[in-house]
C-alpha cells in the first residue's frame, strides 16, 4: 500500500549541514568536507549510501526519482540513496533519509561498499564510495513528492532483466551495481530472507509515521 504524504512531519532532530558532504580517499577514509554541488561539479570522491528494502516476497522496493531532482530526475533507482552529512554516520543518515523520503524506518545492514564514477548530466559527476544497505519492510510507506514520483516492487531477477532491455530508464549507479556486484547483492538478499524467516515470530522493529 502506498500513500502520498505531501506534507512531511516536522523534523525535531538537531540541524545538520546537509549542503555539505564527506570527502573520502580510495579506501573510504574521510579526508574532509565540501559543498554538495561543488563536489558533483568537480567529481570529487565522496561517501554515499544506497538502500535496498526487501519485502517478504523477496521483492525490491524501487523508486522513480522526482523529475525536479538536481540530476537523474525521472529515472528509476533503488529504494533510497543519499550522502551522510559531516559528523553523521552512514546509519544515522540512512534512517533519516528513509523517513524523509518514504515515511518509514526499519533495521538496516551493510553488505558491502563499492566505488564508481559516472557522468550524470547537467555538468555533474557522481564519484562515490557507496555503502550498500539492506532492510526488510512490508508496511505502509508515504512518498515525499519532492523526492519520489512513483514506487514499485520487483524481484532481483526481474530488475536485472528489465535493466538489460530498458537500461535507459535506470540510474547509472544502479546499473553499475547490478552489472558488477550482482552476486554480492543476491547473497545479501538471500541472507536477509533467511534471517527474517527465523525471526518472523518476534516483534517488528519497523516504524512508520503514516
Protein backbone atom coordinates (compact mmCIF):
# COMPACT_ATOMS: atom_id res chain seq x y z
CA UNK A 1 0.00 0.00 0.00
CA UNK A 2 1.35 3.43 -0.97
CA UNK A 3 0.10 6.73 0.38
CA UNK A 4 1.23 10.14 -0.79
CA UNK A 5 2.45 12.39 2.00
CA UNK A 6 2.54 15.95 0.59
CA UNK A 7 3.32 17.50 3.99
CA UNK A 8 6.12 15.69 5.86
CA UNK A 9 6.05 15.83 9.64
CA UNK A 10 8.28 18.46 11.30
CA UNK A 11 11.83 17.26 11.99
CA UNK A 12 12.72 17.72 15.67
CA UNK A 13 16.28 16.40 15.40
CA UNK A 14 19.36 18.67 15.61
CA UNK A 15 20.03 20.58 12.43
CA UNK A 16 22.65 19.09 10.13
CA UNK A 17 24.55 20.85 7.39
CA UNK A 18 23.18 18.65 4.64
CA UNK A 19 24.53 21.03 1.99
CA UNK A 20 27.98 19.57 2.66
CA UNK A 21 29.09 16.01 2.00
CA UNK A 22 32.01 13.94 3.26
CA UNK A 23 35.07 13.54 1.01
CA UNK A 24 36.99 10.25 1.21
CA UNK A 25 40.11 8.63 -0.21
CA UNK A 26 40.16 5.46 -2.32
CA UNK A 27 39.98 3.35 0.85
CA UNK A 28 36.89 5.14 2.17
CA UNK A 29 38.76 7.15 4.81
CA UNK A 30 37.37 10.62 5.48
CA UNK A 31 39.56 13.44 4.13
CA UNK A 32 37.33 16.50 4.55
CA UNK A 33 34.04 18.03 3.50
CA UNK A 34 32.77 20.01 0.52
CA UNK A 35 29.58 21.72 -0.59
CA UNK A 36 27.46 19.08 -2.34
CA UNK A 37 27.04 20.71 -5.74
CA UNK A 38 30.71 21.71 -5.91
CA UNK A 39 31.74 18.12 -5.19
CA UNK A 40 29.49 16.91 -8.00
CA UNK A 41 30.71 19.56 -10.44
CA UNK A 42 34.35 18.66 -9.78
CA UNK A 43 33.86 14.90 -9.47
CA UNK A 44 35.40 14.60 -6.00
CA UNK A 45 35.19 11.18 -4.39
CA UNK A 46 32.71 11.26 -1.51
CA UNK A 47 30.80 8.97 0.84
CA UNK A 48 27.30 7.81 -0.09
CA UNK A 49 24.86 5.03 0.65
CA UNK A 50 22.30 3.08 -1.34
CA UNK A 51 19.43 1.35 0.48
CA UNK A 52 17.60 -1.70 -0.84
CA UNK A 53 14.39 -2.53 1.02
CA UNK A 54 13.14 -6.09 0.53
CA UNK A 55 9.66 -7.44 1.34
CA UNK A 56 8.59 -10.94 2.40
CA UNK A 57 8.26 -11.96 -1.27
CA UNK A 58 11.96 -11.12 -1.78
CA UNK A 59 10.98 -8.15 -3.96
CA UNK A 60 12.99 -4.93 -4.01
CA UNK A 61 11.31 -1.57 -3.48
CA UNK A 62 12.32 0.72 -6.35
CA UNK A 63 11.71 4.45 -6.59
CA UNK A 64 11.31 6.73 -9.57
CA UNK A 65 13.19 9.91 -8.73
CA UNK A 66 11.23 13.15 -8.81
CA UNK A 67 11.70 14.99 -12.09
CA UNK A 68 12.86 18.05 -10.13
CA UNK A 69 15.93 16.29 -8.65
CA UNK A 70 19.25 18.00 -9.40
CA UNK A 71 20.29 15.05 -11.52
CA UNK A 72 18.80 11.79 -12.83
CA UNK A 73 15.26 13.14 -12.42
CA UNK A 74 12.58 10.69 -13.59
CA UNK A 75 14.95 7.72 -13.57
CA UNK A 76 14.21 4.51 -11.66
CA UNK A 77 16.60 3.54 -8.88
CA UNK A 78 16.93 1.59 -5.65
CA UNK A 79 14.78 2.35 -2.61
CA UNK A 80 16.75 5.33 -1.33
CA UNK A 81 20.21 6.81 -1.80
CA UNK A 82 21.94 9.86 -0.39
CA UNK A 83 25.00 11.16 1.47
CA UNK A 84 25.76 11.45 5.18
CA UNK A 85 26.37 14.98 6.41
CA UNK A 86 29.67 15.78 8.14
CA UNK A 87 29.51 14.38 11.67
CA UNK A 88 26.75 11.91 10.76
CA UNK A 89 27.26 8.15 10.47
CA UNK A 90 26.11 6.12 7.48
CA UNK A 91 23.33 4.53 9.51
CA UNK A 92 22.15 7.80 11.05
CA UNK A 93 21.89 9.31 7.57
CA UNK A 94 20.24 6.22 6.10
CA UNK A 95 17.50 6.11 8.75
CA UNK A 96 16.98 9.87 8.37
CA UNK A 97 16.57 9.66 4.60
CA UNK A 98 14.23 6.66 4.73
CA UNK A 99 11.93 8.69 6.94
CA UNK A 100 12.27 11.87 4.87
CA UNK A 101 11.66 10.18 1.51
CA UNK A 102 9.31 7.29 2.35
CA UNK A 103 7.94 7.96 5.83
CA UNK A 104 9.12 4.72 7.48
CA UNK A 105 12.16 3.25 9.16
CA UNK A 106 13.48 -0.29 9.68
CA UNK A 107 16.61 -2.16 10.67
CA UNK A 108 19.43 -1.85 8.13
CA UNK A 109 22.54 -3.93 7.48
CA UNK A 110 25.56 -3.01 5.36
CA UNK A 111 26.56 -5.81 3.00
CA UNK A 112 29.42 -4.18 1.06
CA UNK A 113 30.72 -0.92 -0.40
CA UNK A 114 31.91 -0.14 -3.90
CA UNK A 115 33.33 2.87 -5.72
CA UNK A 116 32.07 4.15 -9.03
CA UNK A 117 32.28 7.26 -11.23
CA UNK A 118 29.57 8.31 -13.68
CA UNK A 119 28.68 11.40 -15.69
CA UNK A 120 25.05 12.02 -14.69
CA UNK A 121 24.36 15.03 -16.91
CA UNK A 122 23.84 18.72 -16.18
CA UNK A 123 27.61 19.08 -15.87
CA UNK A 124 27.65 16.82 -12.81
CA UNK A 125 29.69 13.74 -11.93
CA UNK A 126 28.82 11.11 -9.34
CA UNK A 127 32.05 9.76 -7.87
CA UNK A 128 31.04 7.81 -4.81
CA UNK A 129 32.30 5.35 -2.25
CA UNK A 130 28.85 3.80 -1.93
CA UNK A 131 27.80 1.75 1.11
CA UNK A 132 25.11 -0.80 0.20
CA UNK A 133 22.47 -1.29 2.89
CA UNK A 134 19.67 -3.84 3.12
CA UNK A 135 16.47 -3.79 5.16
CA UNK A 136 13.20 -5.73 5.40
CA UNK A 137 9.81 -3.99 5.37
CA UNK A 138 6.23 -4.97 4.48
CA UNK A 139 4.30 -1.97 5.77
CA UNK A 140 2.84 1.27 4.52
CA UNK A 141 5.06 3.99 3.10
CA UNK A 142 4.43 7.64 2.26
CA UNK A 143 6.06 9.19 -0.80
CA UNK A 144 7.61 12.62 -0.41
CA UNK A 145 6.78 14.21 -3.80
CA UNK A 146 9.86 16.44 -3.63
CA UNK A 147 11.97 13.28 -3.78
CA UNK A 148 9.93 10.49 -5.40
CA UNK A 149 7.21 10.38 -8.05
CA UNK A 150 6.46 6.64 -8.00
CA UNK A 151 7.44 3.31 -6.45
CA UNK A 152 7.15 -0.34 -7.44
CA UNK A 153 8.24 -3.78 -6.22
CA UNK A 154 10.39 -6.04 -8.42
CA UNK A 155 12.37 -9.21 -7.82
CA UNK A 156 16.11 -9.03 -8.40
CA UNK A 157 15.72 -11.27 -11.46
CA UNK A 158 13.01 -9.01 -12.88
CA UNK A 159 15.13 -5.93 -12.23
CA UNK A 160 18.19 -7.48 -13.89
CA UNK A 161 16.18 -8.46 -16.97
CA UNK A 162 14.48 -5.06 -17.21
CA UNK A 163 17.79 -3.21 -16.97
CA UNK A 164 19.09 -5.35 -19.84
CA UNK A 165 16.12 -4.32 -22.01
CA UNK A 166 15.24 -0.82 -20.73
CA UNK A 167 18.52 0.34 -19.23
CA UNK A 168 17.97 3.95 -20.29
CA UNK A 169 15.28 4.45 -17.60
CA UNK A 170 17.53 3.44 -14.67
CA UNK A 171 20.15 5.42 -12.77
CA UNK A 172 23.79 4.89 -13.64
CA UNK A 173 24.75 3.70 -10.15
CA UNK A 174 22.04 1.06 -10.07
CA UNK A 175 23.08 -0.27 -13.48
CA UNK A 176 26.75 -0.37 -12.43
CA UNK A 177 25.87 -2.14 -9.20
CA UNK A 178 23.80 -4.79 -10.99
CA UNK A 179 26.46 -5.20 -13.66
CA UNK A 180 29.47 -5.57 -11.37
CA UNK A 181 28.22 -6.66 -7.93
CA UNK A 182 25.12 -8.73 -8.65
CA UNK A 183 26.32 -11.92 -6.86
CA UNK A 184 27.11 -9.98 -3.67
CA UNK A 185 23.74 -8.23 -3.78
CA UNK A 186 21.90 -11.51 -4.37
CA UNK A 187 23.77 -13.17 -1.50
CA UNK A 188 22.87 -10.30 0.83
CA UNK A 189 19.20 -10.52 -0.11
CA UNK A 190 19.16 -14.28 0.49
CA UNK A 191 20.82 -13.91 3.89
CA UNK A 192 18.27 -11.24 4.81
CA UNK A 193 15.44 -13.54 3.70
CA UNK A 194 16.76 -16.36 5.87
CA UNK A 195 17.26 -14.17 8.94
CA UNK A 196 13.81 -12.64 8.51
CA UNK A 197 12.23 -16.09 8.27
CA UNK A 198 13.91 -17.13 11.52
CA UNK A 199 12.68 -14.05 13.37
CA UNK A 200 9.20 -13.77 11.84
CA UNK A 201 7.54 -14.52 15.17
CA UNK A 202 9.39 -11.80 17.09
CA UNK A 203 8.03 -8.23 17.40
CA UNK A 204 8.90 -5.99 14.45
CA UNK A 205 11.25 -3.04 14.98
CA UNK A 206 9.99 -1.26 11.88
CA UNK A 207 8.16 2.02 12.33
CA UNK A 208 6.09 4.30 10.14
CA UNK A 209 4.74 7.80 10.62
CA UNK A 210 1.93 7.42 8.06
